[in-house]
């Protein structure tokens, strides 16, 4: 039992890798992934397309037009959203904190008792 425990993890010896003719034998077919393919009458090969539930749902003409419209106007809506965000972010100088290059707060008002500390 103990002898069989490590057999699967042993290294191949040089004699096992090199054949009788002194040529390296390439091990094939160990980690090969086979993709299911079909051949046509002309001999061309093609791969099965993956089918999902979304691709099989029939869409109406109105839905297609609505999606096309959204796709075409996407960049305009994105620019408008960016402009709206910059307008909302703007604050007065009283509300805005001042930061130096190291992102540390700069004191603009000094308290009266700060010298006594």
PDB file of N, CA and C in Angstrom:
ATOM      1  N   UNK A   1       0.824  -1.187   0.000  1.00  0.00           N
ATOM      2  CA  UNK A   1       0.000   0.000   0.000  1.00  0.00           C
ATOM      3  C   UNK A   1       0.869   1.251   0.000  1.00  0.00           C
ATOM      4  N   UNK A   2       1.905   1.296   0.859  1.00  0.00           N
ATOM      5  CA  UNK A   2       2.780   2.457   0.932  1.00  0.00           C
ATOM      6  C   UNK A   2       3.605   2.603  -0.340  1.00  0.00           C
ATOM      7  N   UNK A   3       3.907   1.493  -1.007  1.00  0.00           N
ATOM      8  CA  UNK A   3       4.690   1.538  -2.240  1.00  0.00           C
ATOM      9  C   UNK A   3       3.890   2.175  -3.372  1.00  0.00           C
ATOM     10  N   UNK A   4       2.576   1.952  -3.415  1.00  0.00           N
ATOM     11  CA  UNK A   4       1.725   2.477  -4.478  1.00  0.00           C
ATOM     12  C   UNK A   4       1.352   3.941  -4.264  1.00  0.00           C
ATOM     13  N   UNK A   5       1.590   4.457  -3.076  1.00  0.00           N
ATOM     14  CA  UNK A   5       1.140   5.793  -2.739  1.00  0.00           C
ATOM     15  C   UNK A   5       1.785   6.873  -3.612  1.00  0.00           C
ATOM     16  N   UNK A   6       3.072   6.812  -3.884  1.00  0.00           N
ATOM     17  CA  UNK A   6       3.760   7.857  -4.626  1.00  0.00           C
ATOM     18  C   UNK A   6       4.010   7.549  -6.083  1.00  0.00           C
ATOM     19  N   UNK A   7       3.462   6.464  -6.614  1.00  0.00           N
ATOM     20  CA  UNK A   7       3.754   6.075  -7.994  1.00  0.00           C
ATOM     21  C   UNK A   7       3.262   7.083  -9.021  1.00  0.00           C
ATOM     22  N   UNK A   8       2.132   7.722  -8.783  1.00  0.00           N
ATOM     23  CA  UNK A   8       1.583   8.670  -9.749  1.00  0.00           C
ATOM     24  C   UNK A   8       2.368   9.959  -9.835  1.00  0.00           C
ATOM     25  N   UNK A   9       3.190  10.241  -8.848  1.00  0.00           N
ATOM     26  CA  UNK A   9       3.920  11.495  -8.806  1.00  0.00           C
ATOM     27  C   UNK A   9       5.384  11.349  -9.194  1.00  0.00           C
ATOM     28  N   UNK A  10       5.801  10.187  -9.677  1.00  0.00           N
ATOM     29  CA  UNK A  10       7.204   9.971 -10.007  1.00  0.00           C
ATOM     30  C   UNK A  10       7.558  10.647 -11.328  1.00  0.00           C
ATOM     31  N   UNK A  11       8.814  11.083 -11.406  1.00  0.00           N
ATOM     32  CA  UNK A  11       9.328  11.700 -12.627  1.00  0.00           C
ATOM     33  C   UNK A  11       9.655  10.605 -13.637  1.00  0.00           C
ATOM     34  N   UNK A  12       9.521  10.915 -14.903  1.00  0.00           N
ATOM     35  CA  UNK A  12       9.895   9.982 -15.964  1.00  0.00           C
ATOM     36  C   UNK A  12      11.410   9.974 -16.100  1.00  0.00           C
ATOM     37  N   UNK A  13      11.956   8.828 -16.312  1.00  0.00           N
ATOM     38  CA  UNK A  13      13.400   8.744 -16.510  1.00  0.00           C
ATOM     39  C   UNK A  13      13.735   9.133 -17.949  1.00  0.00           C
ATOM     40  N   UNK A  14      15.013   9.361 -18.199  1.00  0.00           N
ATOM     41  CA  UNK A  14      15.448   9.769 -19.532  1.00  0.00           C
ATOM     42  C   UNK A  14      15.181   8.663 -20.550  1.00  0.00           C
ATOM     43  N   UNK A  15      15.320   7.416 -20.141  1.00  0.00           N
ATOM     44  CA  UNK A  15      15.076   6.300 -21.049  1.00  0.00           C
ATOM     45  C   UNK A  15      13.604   6.214 -21.444  1.00  0.00           C
ATOM     46  N   UNK A  16      12.712   6.589 -20.551  1.00  0.00           N
ATOM     47  CA  UNK A  16      11.289   6.553 -20.872  1.00  0.00           C
ATOM     48  C   UNK A  16      10.894   7.673 -21.830  1.00  0.00           C
ATOM     49  N   UNK A  17      11.603   8.809 -21.776  1.00  0.00           N
ATOM     50  CA  UNK A  17      11.284   9.940 -22.644  1.00  0.00           C
ATOM     51  C   UNK A  17      11.905   9.804 -24.025  1.00  0.00           C
ATOM     52  N   UNK A  18      13.101   9.220 -24.103  1.00  0.00           N
ATOM     53  CA  UNK A  18      13.789   9.074 -25.384  1.00  0.00           C
ATOM     54  C   UNK A  18      13.537   7.667 -25.900  1.00  0.00           C
ATOM     55  N   UNK A  19      13.099   7.571 -27.138  1.00  0.00           N
ATOM     56  CA  UNK A  19      12.756   6.280 -27.722  1.00  0.00           C
ATOM     57  C   UNK A  19      13.971   5.444 -28.065  1.00  0.00           C
ATOM     58  N   UNK A  20      13.733   4.277 -28.677  1.00  0.00           N
ATOM     59  CA  UNK A  20      14.811   3.354 -29.037  1.00  0.00           C
ATOM     60  C   UNK A  20      15.739   3.949 -30.080  1.00  0.00           C
ATOM     61  N   UNK A  21      15.200   4.811 -30.957  1.00  0.00           N
ATOM     62  CA  UNK A  21      16.016   5.406 -32.019  1.00  0.00           C
ATOM     63  C   UNK A  21      16.818   6.608 -31.528  1.00  0.00           C
ATOM     64  N   UNK A  22      16.668   6.978 -30.269  1.00  0.00           N
ATOM     65  CA  UNK A  22      17.404   8.118 -29.738  1.00  0.00           C
ATOM     66  C   UNK A  22      16.711   9.439 -30.010  1.00  0.00           C
ATOM     67  N   UNK A  23      15.434   9.381 -30.353  1.00  0.00           N
ATOM     68  CA  UNK A  23      14.678  10.592 -30.659  1.00  0.00           C
ATOM     69  C   UNK A  23      13.655  10.821 -29.542  1.00  0.00           C
ATOM     70  N   UNK A  24      13.487  12.080 -29.173  1.00  0.00           N
ATOM     71  CA  UNK A  24      12.535  12.433 -28.124  1.00  0.00           C
ATOM     72  C   UNK A  24      11.121  12.137 -28.596  1.00  0.00           C
ATOM     73  N   UNK A  25      10.358  11.428 -27.762  1.00  0.00           N
ATOM     74  CA  UNK A  25       8.967  11.124 -28.090  1.00  0.00           C
ATOM     75  C   UNK A  25       8.084  12.198 -27.489  1.00  0.00           C
ATOM     76  N   UNK A  26       7.342  12.871 -28.316  1.00  0.00           N
ATOM     77  CA  UNK A  26       6.416  13.878 -27.821  1.00  0.00           C
ATOM     78  C   UNK A  26       5.135  13.189 -27.392  1.00  0.00           C
ATOM     79  N   UNK A  27       4.719  13.458 -26.173  1.00  0.00           N
ATOM     80  CA  UNK A  27       3.490  12.857 -25.665  1.00  0.00           C
ATOM     81  C   UNK A  27       2.316  13.678 -26.183  1.00  0.00           C
ATOM     82  N   UNK A  28       1.432  13.043 -26.911  1.00  0.00           N
ATOM     83  CA  UNK A  28       0.287  13.752 -27.477  1.00  0.00           C
ATOM     84  C   UNK A  28      -1.004  13.217 -26.897  1.00  0.00           C
ATOM     85  N   UNK A  29      -1.999  14.044 -26.928  1.00  0.00           N
ATOM     86  CA  UNK A  29      -3.326  13.622 -26.532  1.00  0.00           C
ATOM     87  C   UNK A  29      -3.603  13.660 -25.050  1.00  0.00           C
ATOM     88  N   UNK A  30      -2.731  14.243 -24.258  1.00  0.00           N
ATOM     89  CA  UNK A  30      -2.945  14.252 -22.816  1.00  0.00           C
ATOM     90  C   UNK A  30      -3.945  15.344 -22.435  1.00  0.00           C
ATOM     91  N   UNK A  31      -3.670  16.565 -22.816  1.00  0.00           N
ATOM     92  CA  UNK A  31      -4.534  17.691 -22.460  1.00  0.00           C
ATOM     93  C   UNK A  31      -5.191  18.271 -23.710  1.00  0.00           C
ATOM     94  N   UNK A  32      -5.714  17.438 -24.523  1.00  0.00           N
ATOM     95  CA  UNK A  32      -6.301  17.895 -25.771  1.00  0.00           C
ATOM     96  C   UNK A  32      -7.783  18.177 -25.560  1.00  0.00           C
ATOM     97  N   UNK A  33      -8.225  19.335 -25.997  1.00  0.00           N
ATOM     98  CA  UNK A  33      -9.634  19.709 -25.893  1.00  0.00           C
ATOM     99  C   UNK A  33     -10.251  19.577 -27.274  1.00  0.00           C
ATOM    100  N   UNK A  34     -11.280  18.792 -27.367  1.00  0.00           N
ATOM    101  CA  UNK A  34     -11.904  18.548 -28.659  1.00  0.00           C
ATOM    102  C   UNK A  34     -13.157  19.406 -28.765  1.00  0.00           C
ATOM    103  N   UNK A  35     -13.205  20.240 -29.807  1.00  0.00           N
ATOM    104  CA  UNK A  35     -14.359  21.087 -30.063  1.00  0.00           C
ATOM    105  C   UNK A  35     -15.262  20.344 -31.032  1.00  0.00           C
ATOM    106  N   UNK A  36     -16.549  20.208 -30.709  1.00  0.00           N
ATOM    107  CA  UNK A  36     -17.441  19.501 -31.633  1.00  0.00           C
ATOM    108  C   UNK A  36     -17.605  20.285 -32.932  1.00  0.00           C
ATOM    109  N   UNK A  37     -17.272  19.651 -34.036  1.00  0.00           N
ATOM    110  CA  UNK A  37     -17.389  20.304 -35.340  1.00  0.00           C
ATOM    111  C   UNK A  37     -18.239  19.448 -36.260  1.00  0.00           C
ATOM    112  N   UNK A  38     -18.789  20.072 -37.261  1.00  0.00           N
ATOM    113  CA  UNK A  38     -19.566  19.386 -38.279  1.00  0.00           C
ATOM    114  C   UNK A  38     -18.963  19.711 -39.633  1.00  0.00           C
ATOM    115  N   UNK A  39     -19.140  18.824 -40.571  1.00  0.00           N
ATOM    116  CA  UNK A  39     -18.665  19.084 -41.920  1.00  0.00           C
ATOM    117  C   UNK A  39     -19.859  19.228 -42.845  1.00  0.00           C
ATOM    118  N   UNK A  40     -19.699  20.108 -43.804  1.00  0.00           N
ATOM    119  CA  UNK A  40     -20.744  20.283 -44.805  1.00  0.00           C
ATOM    120  C   UNK A  40     -20.454  19.359 -45.968  1.00  0.00           C
ATOM    121  N   UNK A  41     -21.302  19.385 -46.954  1.00  0.00           N
ATOM    122  CA  UNK A  41     -21.089  18.525 -48.119  1.00  0.00           C
ATOM    123  C   UNK A  41     -19.841  18.937 -48.890  1.00  0.00           C
ATOM    124  N   UNK A  42     -19.424  20.193 -48.729  1.00  0.00           N
ATOM    125  CA  UNK A  42     -18.222  20.671 -49.410  1.00  0.00           C
ATOM    126  C   UNK A  42     -16.953  20.357 -48.623  1.00  0.00           C
ATOM    127  N   UNK A  43     -17.107  19.846 -47.405  1.00  0.00           N
ATOM    128  CA  UNK A  43     -15.941  19.500 -46.603  1.00  0.00           C
ATOM    129  C   UNK A  43     -15.510  20.599 -45.651  1.00  0.00           C
ATOM    130  N   UNK A  44     -16.206  21.737 -45.664  1.00  0.00           N
ATOM    131  CA  UNK A  44     -15.868  22.817 -44.740  1.00  0.00           C
ATOM    132  C   UNK A  44     -16.314  22.442 -43.336  1.00  0.00           C
ATOM    133  N   UNK A  45     -15.488  22.801 -42.355  1.00  0.00           N
ATOM    134  CA  UNK A  45     -15.832  22.508 -40.968  1.00  0.00           C
ATOM    135  C   UNK A  45     -16.368  23.774 -40.309  1.00  0.00           C
ATOM    136  N   UNK A  46     -17.359  23.620 -39.459  1.00  0.00           N
ATOM    137  CA  UNK A  46     -17.857  24.740 -38.678  1.00  0.00           C
ATOM    138  C   UNK A  46     -18.178  24.256 -37.279  1.00  0.00           C
ATOM    139  N   UNK A  47     -18.158  25.195 -36.334  1.00  0.00           N
ATOM    140  CA  UNK A  47     -18.369  24.877 -34.929  1.00  0.00           C
ATOM    141  C   UNK A  47     -19.798  25.234 -34.567  1.00  0.00           C
ATOM    142  N   UNK A  48     -20.408  24.416 -33.712  1.00  0.00           N
ATOM    143  CA  UNK A  48     -21.761  24.712 -33.251  1.00  0.00           C
ATOM    144  C   UNK A  48     -21.774  26.026 -32.480  1.00  0.00           C
ATOM    145  N   UNK A  49     -22.734  26.864 -32.787  1.00  0.00           N
ATOM    146  CA  UNK A  49     -22.893  28.116 -32.055  1.00  0.00           C
ATOM    147  C   UNK A  49     -23.581  27.824 -30.727  1.00  0.00           C
ATOM    148  N   UNK A  50     -23.149  28.538 -29.712  1.00  0.00           N
ATOM    149  CA  UNK A  50     -23.772  28.373 -28.410  1.00  0.00           C
ATOM    150  C   UNK A  50     -25.154  29.007 -28.442  1.00  0.00           C
ATOM    151  N   UNK A  51     -26.127  28.307 -27.942  1.00  0.00           N
ATOM    152  CA  UNK A  51     -27.472  28.867 -27.921  1.00  0.00           C
ATOM    153  C   UNK A  51     -27.805  29.262 -26.495  1.00  0.00           C
ATOM    154  N   UNK A  52     -28.360  30.435 -26.351  1.00  0.00           N
ATOM    155  CA  UNK A  52     -28.778  30.899 -25.033  1.00  0.00           C
ATOM    156  C   UNK A  52     -30.231  31.323 -25.112  1.00  0.00           C
ATOM    157  N   UNK A  53     -30.848  31.489 -23.969  1.00  0.00           N
ATOM    158  CA  UNK A  53     -32.252  31.870 -23.942  1.00  0.00           C
ATOM    159  C   UNK A  53     -32.481  33.252 -24.532  1.00  0.00           C
ATOM    160  N   UNK A  54     -31.506  34.154 -24.362  1.00  0.00           N
ATOM    161  CA  UNK A  54     -31.688  35.508 -24.865  1.00  0.00           C
ATOM    162  C   UNK A  54     -31.745  35.552 -26.384  1.00  0.00           C
ATOM    163  N   UNK A  55     -30.954  34.735 -27.040  1.00  0.00           N
ATOM    164  CA  UNK A  55     -30.923  34.793 -28.495  1.00  0.00           C
ATOM    165  C   UNK A  55     -32.151  34.151 -29.124  1.00  0.00           C
ATOM    166  N   UNK A  56     -32.883  33.335 -28.375  1.00  0.00           N
ATOM    167  CA  UNK A  56     -34.041  32.661 -28.954  1.00  0.00           C
ATOM    168  C   UNK A  56     -35.345  33.408 -28.705  1.00  0.00           C
ATOM    169  N   UNK A  57     -35.318  34.493 -27.922  1.00  0.00           N
ATOM    170  CA  UNK A  57     -36.535  35.258 -27.659  1.00  0.00           C
ATOM    171  C   UNK A  57     -36.855  36.104 -28.891  1.00  0.00           C
ATOM    172  N   UNK A  58     -38.035  35.934 -29.473  1.00  0.00           N
ATOM    173  CA  UNK A  58     -38.378  36.757 -30.636  1.00  0.00           C
ATOM    174  C   UNK A  58     -38.634  38.199 -30.207  1.00  0.00           C
ATOM    175  N   UNK A  59     -38.103  39.130 -30.946  1.00  0.00           N
ATOM    176  CA  UNK A  59     -38.267  40.546 -30.636  1.00  0.00           C
ATOM    177  C   UNK A  59     -39.166  41.187 -31.695  1.00  0.00           C
ATOM    178  N   UNK A  60     -39.955  42.138 -31.241  1.00  0.00           N
ATOM    179  CA  UNK A  60     -40.835  42.837 -32.177  1.00  0.00           C
ATOM    180  C   UNK A  60     -40.058  43.950 -32.869  1.00  0.00           C
ATOM    181  N   UNK A  61     -40.643  44.480 -33.918  1.00  0.00           N
ATOM    182  CA  UNK A  61     -39.996  45.543 -34.680  1.00  0.00           C
ATOM    183  C   UNK A  61     -39.828  46.789 -33.813  1.00  0.00           C
ATOM    184  N   UNK A  62     -40.816  47.065 -32.957  1.00  0.00           N
ATOM    185  CA  UNK A  62     -40.742  48.238 -32.081  1.00  0.00           C
ATOM    186  C   UNK A  62     -39.581  48.113 -31.094  1.00  0.00           C
ATOM    187  N   UNK A  63     -39.386  46.916 -30.560  1.00  0.00           N
ATOM    188  CA  UNK A  63     -38.275  46.705 -29.627  1.00  0.00           C
ATOM    189  C   UNK A  63     -36.934  46.911 -30.321  1.00  0.00           C
ATOM    190  N   UNK A  64     -36.817  46.421 -31.557  1.00  0.00           N
ATOM    191  CA  UNK A  64     -35.574  46.610 -32.313  1.00  0.00           C
ATOM    192  C   UNK A  64     -35.326  48.086 -32.569  1.00  0.00           C
ATOM    193  N   UNK A  65     -36.372  48.821 -32.950  1.00  0.00           N
ATOM    194  CA  UNK A  65     -36.211  50.251 -33.220  1.00  0.00           C
ATOM    195  C   UNK A  65     -35.827  51.006 -31.950  1.00  0.00           C
ATOM    196  N   UNK A  66     -36.427  50.632 -30.828  1.00  0.00           N
ATOM    197  CA  UNK A  66     -36.112  51.289 -29.564  1.00  0.00           C
ATOM    198  C   UNK A  66     -34.658  51.033 -29.164  1.00  0.00           C
ATOM    199  N   UNK A  67     -34.201  49.799 -29.318  1.00  0.00           N
ATOM    200  CA  UNK A  67     -32.809  49.479 -28.981  1.00  0.00           C
ATOM    201  C   UNK A  67     -31.834  50.181 -29.922  1.00  0.00           C
ATOM    202  N   UNK A  68     -32.161  50.240 -31.209  1.00  0.00           N
ATOM    203  CA  UNK A  68     -31.312  50.957 -32.162  1.00  0.00           C
ATOM    204  C   UNK A  68     -31.227  52.436 -31.813  1.00  0.00           C
ATOM    205  N   UNK A  69     -32.366  53.019 -31.433  1.00  0.00           N
ATOM    206  CA  UNK A  69     -32.404  54.430 -31.061  1.00  0.00           C
ATOM    207  C   UNK A  69     -31.536  54.684 -29.831  1.00  0.00           C
ATOM    208  N   UNK A  70     -31.643  53.810 -28.831  1.00  0.00           N
ATOM    209  CA  UNK A  70     -30.815  53.958 -27.634  1.00  0.00           C
ATOM    210  C   UNK A  70     -29.328  53.834 -27.960  1.00  0.00           C
ATOM    211  N   UNK A  71     -28.979  52.912 -28.830  1.00  0.00           N
ATOM    212  CA  UNK A  71     -27.574  52.735 -29.215  1.00  0.00           C
ATOM    213  C   UNK A  71     -27.046  53.950 -29.963  1.00  0.00           C
ATOM    214  N   UNK A  72     -27.861  54.516 -30.847  1.00  0.00           N
ATOM    215  CA  UNK A  72     -27.422  55.661 -31.644  1.00  0.00           C
ATOM    216  C   UNK A  72     -27.268  56.919 -30.802  1.00  0.00           C
ATOM    217  N   UNK A  73     -28.090  57.092 -29.790  1.00  0.00           N
ATOM    218  CA  UNK A  73     -28.051  58.304 -28.971  1.00  0.00           C
ATOM    219  C   UNK A  73     -27.225  58.129 -27.700  1.00  0.00           C
ATOM    220  N   UNK A  74     -26.500  57.047 -27.583  1.00  0.00           N
ATOM    221  CA  UNK A  74     -25.757  56.759 -26.357  1.00  0.00           C
ATOM    222  C   UNK A  74     -24.706  57.823 -26.061  1.00  0.00           C
ATOM    223  N   UNK A  75     -23.908  58.214 -27.058  1.00  0.00           N
ATOM    224  CA  UNK A  75     -22.840  59.186 -26.814  1.00  0.00           C
ATOM    225  C   UNK A  75     -23.413  60.540 -26.416  1.00  0.00           C
ATOM    226  N   UNK A  76     -24.546  60.927 -27.021  1.00  0.00           N
ATOM    227  CA  UNK A  76     -25.173  62.196 -26.651  1.00  0.00           C
ATOM    228  C   UNK A  76     -25.638  62.162 -25.196  1.00  0.00           C
ATOM    229  N   UNK A  77     -26.258  61.070 -24.793  1.00  0.00           N
ATOM    230  CA  UNK A  77     -26.738  60.940 -23.422  1.00  0.00           C
ATOM    231  C   UNK A  77     -25.578  60.923 -22.437  1.00  0.00           C
ATOM    232  N   UNK A  78     -24.467  60.294 -22.827  1.00  0.00           N
ATOM    233  CA  UNK A  78     -23.296  60.229 -21.961  1.00  0.00           C
ATOM    234  C   UNK A  78     -22.703  61.619 -21.742  1.00  0.00           C
ATOM    235  N   UNK A  79     -22.589  62.410 -22.812  1.00  0.00           N
ATOM    236  CA  UNK A  79     -22.066  63.770 -22.694  1.00  0.00           C
ATOM    237  C   UNK A  79     -22.976  64.627 -21.821  1.00  0.00           C
ATOM    238  N   UNK A  80     -24.282  64.487 -22.005  1.00  0.00           N
ATOM    239  CA  UNK A  80     -25.236  65.253 -21.205  1.00  0.00           C
ATOM    240  C   UNK A  80     -25.110  64.884 -19.727  1.00  0.00           C
ATOM    241  N   UNK A  81     -24.939  63.610 -19.448  1.00  0.00           N
ATOM    242  CA  UNK A  81     -24.787  63.142 -18.068  1.00  0.00           C
ATOM    243  C   UNK A  81     -23.514  63.710 -17.442  1.00  0.00           C
ATOM    244  N   UNK A  82     -22.425  63.752 -18.213  1.00  0.00           N
ATOM    245  CA  UNK A  82     -21.172  64.314 -17.699  1.00  0.00           C
ATOM    246  C   UNK A  82     -21.331  65.795 -17.381  1.00  0.00           C
ATOM    247  N   UNK A  83     -22.030  66.530 -18.258  1.00  0.00           N
ATOM    248  CA  UNK A  83     -22.250  67.956 -18.024  1.00  0.00           C
ATOM    249  C   UNK A  83     -23.108  68.172 -16.783  1.00  0.00           C
ATOM    250  N   UNK A  84     -24.140  67.368 -16.606  1.00  0.00           N
ATOM    251  CA  UNK A  84     -24.999  67.486 -15.425  1.00  0.00           C
ATOM    252  C   UNK A  84     -24.216  67.209 -14.146  1.00  0.00           C
ATOM    253  N   UNK A  85     -23.330  66.238 -14.195  1.00  0.00           N
ATOM    254  CA  UNK A  85     -22.535  65.900 -13.015  1.00  0.00           C
ATOM    255  C   UNK A  85     -21.578  67.028 -12.645  1.00  0.00           C
ATOM    256  N   UNK A  86     -20.975  67.676 -13.650  1.00  0.00           N
ATOM    257  CA  UNK A  86     -20.040  68.764 -13.351  1.00  0.00           C
ATOM    258  C   UNK A  86     -20.775  69.967 -12.790  1.00  0.00           C
ATOM    259  N   UNK A  87     -21.994  70.212 -13.238  1.00  0.00           N
ATOM    260  CA  UNK A  87     -22.777  71.327 -12.701  1.00  0.00           C
ATOM    261  C   UNK A  87     -23.130  71.059 -11.245  1.00  0.00           C
ATOM    262  N   UNK A  88     -23.508  69.848 -10.917  1.00  0.00           N
ATOM    263  CA  UNK A  88     -23.884  69.505  -9.548  1.00  0.00           C
ATOM    264  C   UNK A  88     -22.681  69.493  -8.615  1.00  0.00           C
ATOM    265  N   UNK A  89     -21.500  69.180  -9.131  1.00  0.00           N
ATOM    266  CA  UNK A  89     -20.304  69.121  -8.294  1.00  0.00           C
ATOM    267  C   UNK A  89     -19.802  70.504  -7.912  1.00  0.00           C
ATOM    268  N   UNK A  90     -20.096  71.525  -8.682  1.00  0.00           N
ATOM    269  CA  UNK A  90     -19.601  72.866  -8.407  1.00  0.00           C
ATOM    270  C   UNK A  90     -20.146  73.395  -7.095  1.00  0.00           C
ATOM    271  N   UNK A  91     -19.264  73.848  -6.215  1.00  0.00           N
ATOM    272  CA  UNK A  91     -19.674  74.408  -4.928  1.00  0.00           C
ATOM    273  C   UNK A  91     -19.001  75.753  -4.762  1.00  0.00           C
ATOM    274  N   UNK A  92     -19.471  76.535  -3.827  1.00  0.00           N
ATOM    275  CA  UNK A  92     -18.862  77.834  -3.588  1.00  0.00           C
ATOM    276  C   UNK A  92     -17.529  77.648  -2.871  1.00  0.00           C
ATOM    277  N   UNK A  93     -16.716  78.697  -2.878  1.00  0.00           N
ATOM    278  CA  UNK A  93     -15.400  78.600  -2.254  1.00  0.00           C
ATOM    279  C   UNK A  93     -15.504  78.458  -0.741  1.00  0.00           C
ATOM    280  N   UNK A  94     -16.623  78.895  -0.137  1.00  0.00           N
ATOM    281  CA  UNK A  94     -16.795  78.752   1.305  1.00  0.00           C
ATOM    282  C   UNK A  94     -16.971  77.287   1.688  1.00  0.00           C
ATOM    283  N   UNK A  95     -17.643  76.522   0.831  1.00  0.00           N
ATOM    284  CA  UNK A  95     -17.913  75.120   1.129  1.00  0.00           C
ATOM    285  C   UNK A  95     -16.752  74.203   0.759  1.00  0.00           C
ATOM    286  N   UNK A  96     -15.928  74.643  -0.173  1.00  0.00           N
ATOM    287  CA  UNK A  96     -14.871  73.781  -0.699  1.00  0.00           C
ATOM    288  C   UNK A  96     -13.647  73.801   0.218  1.00  0.00           C
ATOM    289  N   UNK A  97     -13.120  72.643   0.544  1.00  0.00           N
ATOM    290  CA  UNK A  97     -11.884  72.556   1.313  1.00  0.00           C
ATOM    291  C   UNK A  97     -10.711  72.762   0.375  1.00  0.00           C
ATOM    292  N   UNK A  98      -9.674  73.381   0.884  1.00  0.00           N
ATOM    293  CA  UNK A  98      -8.479  73.573   0.074  1.00  0.00           C
ATOM    294  C   UNK A  98      -7.496  72.453   0.381  1.00  0.00           C
ATOM    295  N   UNK A  99      -6.890  71.908  -0.651  1.00  0.00           N
ATOM    296  CA  UNK A  99      -5.924  70.832  -0.489  1.00  0.00           C
ATOM    297  C   UNK A  99      -4.630  71.229  -1.172  1.00  0.00           C
ATOM    298  N   UNK A 100      -3.505  70.841  -0.586  1.00  0.00           N
ATOM    299  CA  UNK A 100      -2.233  71.061  -1.252  1.00  0.00           C
ATOM    300  C   UNK A 100      -1.892  69.844  -2.104  1.00  0.00           C
ATOM    301  N   UNK A 101      -0.699  69.800  -2.644  1.00  0.00           N
ATOM    302  CA  UNK A 101      -0.311  68.723  -3.560  1.00  0.00           C
ATOM    303  C   UNK A 101      -0.355  67.349  -2.898  1.00  0.00           C
ATOM    304  N   UNK A 102      -0.086  67.272  -1.613  1.00  0.00           N
ATOM    305  CA  UNK A 102      -0.050  65.995  -0.908  1.00  0.00           C
ATOM    306  C   UNK A 102      -1.408  65.590  -0.353  1.00  0.00           C
ATOM    307  N   UNK A 103      -2.474  66.271  -0.778  1.00  0.00           N
ATOM    308  CA  UNK A 103      -3.843  65.975  -0.355  1.00  0.00           C
ATOM    309  C   UNK A 103      -4.038  66.174   1.146  1.00  0.00           C
ATOM    310  N   UNK A 104      -3.271  67.088   1.713  1.00  0.00           N
ATOM    311  CA  UNK A 104      -3.451  67.409   3.122  1.00  0.00           C
ATOM    312  C   UNK A 104      -4.227  68.716   3.210  1.00  0.00           C
ATOM    313  N   UNK A 105      -5.036  68.841   4.221  1.00  0.00           N
ATOM    314  CA  UNK A 105      -5.872  70.016   4.396  1.00  0.00           C
ATOM    315  C   UNK A 105      -5.015  71.237   4.730  1.00  0.00           C
ATOM    316  N   UNK A 106      -5.302  72.337   4.087  1.00  0.00           N
ATOM    317  CA  UNK A 106      -4.612  73.585   4.362  1.00  0.00           C
ATOM    318  C   UNK A 106      -5.497  74.399   5.298  1.00  0.00           C
ATOM    319  N   UNK A 107      -4.921  74.881   6.379  1.00  0.00           N
ATOM    320  CA  UNK A 107      -5.682  75.661   7.347  1.00  0.00           C
ATOM    321  C   UNK A 107      -5.777  77.087   6.835  1.00  0.00           C
ATOM    322  N   UNK A 108      -7.020  77.571   6.676  1.00  0.00           N
ATOM    323  CA  UNK A 108      -7.200  78.936   6.189  1.00  0.00           C
ATOM    324  C   UNK A 108      -7.491  79.908   7.323  1.00  0.00           C
ATOM    325  N   UNK A 109      -8.050  79.414   8.411  1.00  0.00           N
ATOM    326  CA  UNK A 109      -8.368  80.270   9.555  1.00  0.00           C
ATOM    327  C   UNK A 109      -7.634  79.723  10.772  1.00  0.00           C
ATOM    328  N   UNK A 110      -6.900  80.600  11.449  1.00  0.00           N
ATOM    329  CA  UNK A 110      -6.153  80.173  12.624  1.00  0.00           C
ATOM    330  C   UNK A 110      -6.922  80.593  13.871  1.00  0.00           C
ATOM    331  N   UNK A 111      -7.056  79.679  14.801  1.00  0.00           N
ATOM    332  CA  UNK A 111      -7.775  79.996  16.036  1.00  0.00           C
ATOM    333  C   UNK A 111      -6.932  80.906  16.929  1.00  0.00           C
ATOM    334  N   UNK A 112      -7.586  81.594  17.825  1.00  0.00           N
ATOM    335  CA  UNK A 112      -6.894  82.520  18.734  1.00  0.00           C
ATOM    336  C   UNK A 112      -5.971  81.797  19.702  1.00  0.00           C
ATOM    337  N   UNK A 113      -6.367  80.621  20.164  1.00  0.00           N
ATOM    338  CA  UNK A 113      -5.573  79.922  21.169  1.00  0.00           C
ATOM    339  C   UNK A 113      -4.526  78.987  20.567  1.00  0.00           C
ATOM    340  N   UNK A 114      -4.273  79.050  19.281  1.00  0.00           N
ATOM    341  CA  UNK A 114      -3.323  78.133  18.658  1.00  0.00           C
ATOM    342  C   UNK A 114      -1.885  78.458  19.032  1.00  0.00           C
ATOM    343  N   UNK A 115      -1.584  79.715  19.357  1.00  0.00           N
ATOM    344  CA  UNK A 115      -0.216  80.080  19.727  1.00  0.00           C
ATOM    345  C   UNK A 115       0.136  79.625  21.133  1.00  0.00           C
ATOM    346  N   UNK A 116      -0.838  79.471  21.988  1.00  0.00           N
ATOM    347  CA  UNK A 116      -0.570  79.124  23.375  1.00  0.00           C
ATOM    348  C   UNK A 116      -0.301  77.641  23.571  1.00  0.00           C
ATOM    349  N   UNK A 117      -0.503  76.834  22.596  1.00  0.00           N
ATOM    350  CA  UNK A 117      -0.305  75.384  22.745  1.00  0.00           C
ATOM    351  C   UNK A 117       1.125  74.989  22.710  1.00  0.00           C
TER     352      UNK A 117
END
